[in-house]
Amino acid sequence: MAKPVEVNDTNFDQTLKDNNLVLVDFWAEWCGPCRMVAPVLEDIAKDYDGKLTVAKLDVDSNPQTAMKFRVMSIPTIILFKGGQPVEVMVGAAPKANFIAKLSKHIPVTA
């Protein structure tokens, strides 16, 4: 079963290079909405195993990457395709909202 992978300032760019589609959760331990969205992202990691990499970046421990992408509020979830941000979602949301954004970039299979 796929799980979200932890990324940091050091390995972030390499993670984007190694994976075509990466959904990155910019979060912090103290953030209530971040904890609310975590199980949703874990489900997405399982549901899209092999098609999408779900990554988590702790903004408190990794401020350089958060600043690079102008993350001002958390949770901020950014979908990267080919290393470039293509979708940005701010705040906790239901799984359906994330699926709607992902479906623009991942072919639907029955």
C-alpha atoms as a PDB file:
ATOM      1  CA  MET A   1       0.000   0.000   0.000  1.00  0.00           C
ATOM      2  CA  ALA A   2       1.275   3.408  -0.939  1.00  0.00           C
ATOM      3  CA  LYS A   3       1.696   5.985   1.779  1.00  0.00           C
ATOM      4  CA  PRO A   4       2.625   9.646   1.644  1.00  0.00           C
ATOM      5  CA  VAL A   5       6.394  10.134   1.605  1.00  0.00           C
ATOM      6  CA  GLU A   6       8.175  12.685   3.762  1.00  0.00           C
ATOM      7  CA  VAL A   7      10.107  15.274   1.772  1.00  0.00           C
ATOM      8  CA  ASN A   8      12.365  18.095   2.931  1.00  0.00           C
ATOM      9  CA  ASP A   9      14.327  21.064   1.613  1.00  0.00           C
ATOM     10  CA  THR A  10      17.165  18.720   0.634  1.00  0.00           C
ATOM     11  CA  ASN A  11      15.266  16.054  -1.362  1.00  0.00           C
ATOM     12  CA  PHE A  12      12.260  18.048  -2.613  1.00  0.00           C
ATOM     13  CA  ASP A  13      13.593  18.878  -6.093  1.00  0.00           C
ATOM     14  CA  GLN A  14      14.821  15.324  -6.614  1.00  0.00           C
ATOM     15  CA  THR A  15      11.404  13.956  -5.637  1.00  0.00           C
ATOM     16  CA  LEU A  16       9.811  16.158  -8.304  1.00  0.00           C
ATOM     17  CA  LYS A  17      12.379  14.987 -10.885  1.00  0.00           C
ATOM     18  CA  ASP A  18      11.857  11.319 -10.029  1.00  0.00           C
ATOM     19  CA  ASN A  19       8.040  11.411 -10.252  1.00  0.00           C
ATOM     20  CA  ASN A  20       5.872  12.924 -12.983  1.00  0.00           C
ATOM     21  CA  LEU A  21       2.902  13.691 -10.698  1.00  0.00           C
ATOM     22  CA  VAL A  22       3.507  14.708  -7.090  1.00  0.00           C
ATOM     23  CA  LEU A  23       0.830  15.966  -4.725  1.00  0.00           C
ATOM     24  CA  VAL A  24       2.622  17.851  -1.953  1.00  0.00           C
ATOM     25  CA  ASP A  25       0.998  18.605   1.391  1.00  0.00           C
ATOM     26  CA  PHE A  26       2.637  21.639   3.011  1.00  0.00           C
ATOM     27  CA  TRP A  27       1.729  21.141   6.689  1.00  0.00           C
ATOM     28  CA  ALA A  28       2.817  21.563  10.309  1.00  0.00           C
ATOM     29  CA  GLU A  29       2.349  19.424  13.411  1.00  0.00           C
ATOM     30  CA  TRP A  30       0.419  22.124  15.301  1.00  0.00           C
ATOM     31  CA  CYS A  31      -2.062  22.748  12.448  1.00  0.00           C
ATOM     32  CA  GLY A  32      -5.547  21.334  13.152  1.00  0.00           C
ATOM     33  CA  PRO A  33      -6.799  21.512   9.538  1.00  0.00           C
ATOM     34  CA  CYS A  34      -3.563  19.777   8.457  1.00  0.00           C
ATOM     35  CA  ARG A  35      -4.403  16.855  10.740  1.00  0.00           C
ATOM     36  CA  MET A  36      -7.938  16.786   9.314  1.00  0.00           C
ATOM     37  CA  VAL A  37      -6.720  16.496   5.723  1.00  0.00           C
ATOM     38  CA  ALA A  38      -3.985  13.910   6.439  1.00  0.00           C
ATOM     39  CA  PRO A  39      -6.303  10.834   6.258  1.00  0.00           C
ATOM     40  CA  VAL A  40      -7.766  12.128   2.981  1.00  0.00           C
ATOM     41  CA  LEU A  41      -4.295  12.362   1.476  1.00  0.00           C
ATOM     42  CA  GLU A  42      -3.425   8.893   2.781  1.00  0.00           C
ATOM     43  CA  ASP A  43      -6.517   7.547   0.966  1.00  0.00           C
ATOM     44  CA  ILE A  44      -5.498   9.344  -2.215  1.00  0.00           C
ATOM     45  CA  ALA A  45      -1.989   7.850  -1.954  1.00  0.00           C
ATOM     46  CA  LYS A  46      -3.544   4.372  -1.830  1.00  0.00           C
ATOM     47  CA  ASP A  47      -6.159   5.041  -4.514  1.00  0.00           C
ATOM     48  CA  TYR A  48      -3.633   6.489  -6.962  1.00  0.00           C
ATOM     49  CA  ASP A  49      -0.708   4.181  -6.207  1.00  0.00           C
ATOM     50  CA  GLY A  50       1.481   3.958  -9.313  1.00  0.00           C
ATOM     51  CA  LYS A  51      -0.065   7.079 -10.884  1.00  0.00           C
ATOM     52  CA  LEU A  52       0.708   9.727  -8.288  1.00  0.00           C
ATOM     53  CA  THR A  53       3.185  10.310  -5.482  1.00  0.00           C
ATOM     54  CA  VAL A  54       1.780  11.969  -2.367  1.00  0.00           C
ATOM     55  CA  ALA A  55       4.398  13.834  -0.361  1.00  0.00           C
ATOM     56  CA  LYS A  56       4.336  15.737   2.943  1.00  0.00           C
ATOM     57  CA  LEU A  57       6.576  18.689   3.721  1.00  0.00           C
ATOM     58  CA  ASP A  58       6.692  20.081   7.265  1.00  0.00           C
ATOM     59  CA  VAL A  59       6.885  23.857   6.748  1.00  0.00           C
ATOM     60  CA  ASP A  60       8.382  24.468  10.197  1.00  0.00           C
ATOM     61  CA  SER A  61      11.348  22.184   9.501  1.00  0.00           C
ATOM     62  CA  ASN A  62      11.667  23.078   5.805  1.00  0.00           C
ATOM     63  CA  PRO A  63      11.033  26.802   5.354  1.00  0.00           C
ATOM     64  CA  GLN A  64      13.064  27.203   2.142  1.00  0.00           C
ATOM     65  CA  THR A  65      10.756  25.080   0.020  1.00  0.00           C
ATOM     66  CA  ALA A  66       7.646  26.614   1.572  1.00  0.00           C
ATOM     67  CA  MET A  67       8.962  30.114   0.785  1.00  0.00           C
ATOM     68  CA  LYS A  68       9.946  29.098  -2.738  1.00  0.00           C
ATOM     69  CA  PHE A  69       6.323  28.223  -3.512  1.00  0.00           C
ATOM     70  CA  ARG A  70       4.910  31.160  -1.514  1.00  0.00           C
ATOM     71  CA  VAL A  71       3.050  28.976   0.956  1.00  0.00           C
ATOM     72  CA  MET A  72       1.402  31.481   3.299  1.00  0.00           C
ATOM     73  CA  SER A  73      -1.391  29.347   4.802  1.00  0.00           C
ATOM     74  CA  ILE A  74      -1.457  25.701   5.712  1.00  0.00           C
ATOM     75  CA  PRO A  75      -2.479  23.221   4.721  1.00  0.00           C
ATOM     76  CA  THR A  76      -1.537  24.134   1.169  1.00  0.00           C
ATOM     77  CA  ILE A  77      -1.599  21.228  -1.237  1.00  0.00           C
ATOM     78  CA  ILE A  78       0.161  21.678  -4.571  1.00  0.00           C
ATOM     79  CA  LEU A  79       0.024  19.239  -7.482  1.00  0.00           C
ATOM     80  CA  PHE A  80       3.255  19.207  -9.490  1.00  0.00           C
ATOM     81  CA  LYS A  81       3.311  17.764 -13.000  1.00  0.00           C
ATOM     82  CA  GLY A  82       6.697  17.432 -14.655  1.00  0.00           C
ATOM     83  CA  GLY A  83       8.198  19.425 -11.787  1.00  0.00           C
ATOM     84  CA  GLN A  84       5.883  22.405 -12.261  1.00  0.00           C
ATOM     85  CA  PRO A  85       2.942  23.410 -10.038  1.00  0.00           C
ATOM     86  CA  VAL A  86      -0.337  22.883 -11.911  1.00  0.00           C
ATOM     87  CA  GLU A  87      -2.957  22.978  -9.124  1.00  0.00           C
ATOM     88  CA  VAL A  88      -3.002  24.694  -5.733  1.00  0.00           C
ATOM     89  CA  MET A  89      -5.504  23.979  -2.964  1.00  0.00           C
ATOM     90  CA  VAL A  90      -5.478  25.867   0.326  1.00  0.00           C
ATOM     91  CA  GLY A  91      -7.236  24.595   3.436  1.00  0.00           C
ATOM     92  CA  ALA A  92      -8.845  21.331   4.437  1.00  0.00           C
ATOM     93  CA  ALA A  93     -11.345  19.996   1.916  1.00  0.00           C
ATOM     94  CA  PRO A  94     -13.319  16.829   1.276  1.00  0.00           C
ATOM     95  CA  LYS A  95     -11.739  14.065  -0.783  1.00  0.00           C
ATOM     96  CA  ALA A  96     -14.042  14.863  -3.724  1.00  0.00           C
ATOM     97  CA  ASN A  97     -12.461  18.311  -4.074  1.00  0.00           C
ATOM     98  CA  PHE A  98      -8.994  16.803  -4.384  1.00  0.00           C
ATOM     99  CA  ILE A  99     -10.216  14.142  -6.824  1.00  0.00           C
ATOM    100  CA  ALA A 100     -11.773  16.847  -9.011  1.00  0.00           C
ATOM    101  CA  LYS A 101      -8.414  18.623  -9.271  1.00  0.00           C
ATOM    102  CA  LEU A 102      -6.489  15.388  -9.832  1.00  0.00           C
ATOM    103  CA  SER A 103      -8.870  14.132 -12.516  1.00  0.00           C
ATOM    104  CA  LYS A 104      -7.698  16.912 -14.837  1.00  0.00           C
ATOM    105  CA  HIS A 105      -4.217  15.376 -14.801  1.00  0.00           C
ATOM    106  CA  ILE A 106      -4.728  11.637 -14.293  1.00  0.00           C
ATOM    107  CA  PRO A 107      -6.572   9.501 -16.843  1.00  0.00           C
ATOM    108  CA  VAL A 108      -9.662   7.925 -15.319  1.00  0.00           C
ATOM    109  CA  THR A 109      -9.688   4.132 -15.260  1.00  0.00           C
ATOM    110  CA  ALA A 110     -12.608   1.922 -14.376  1.00  0.00           C
END
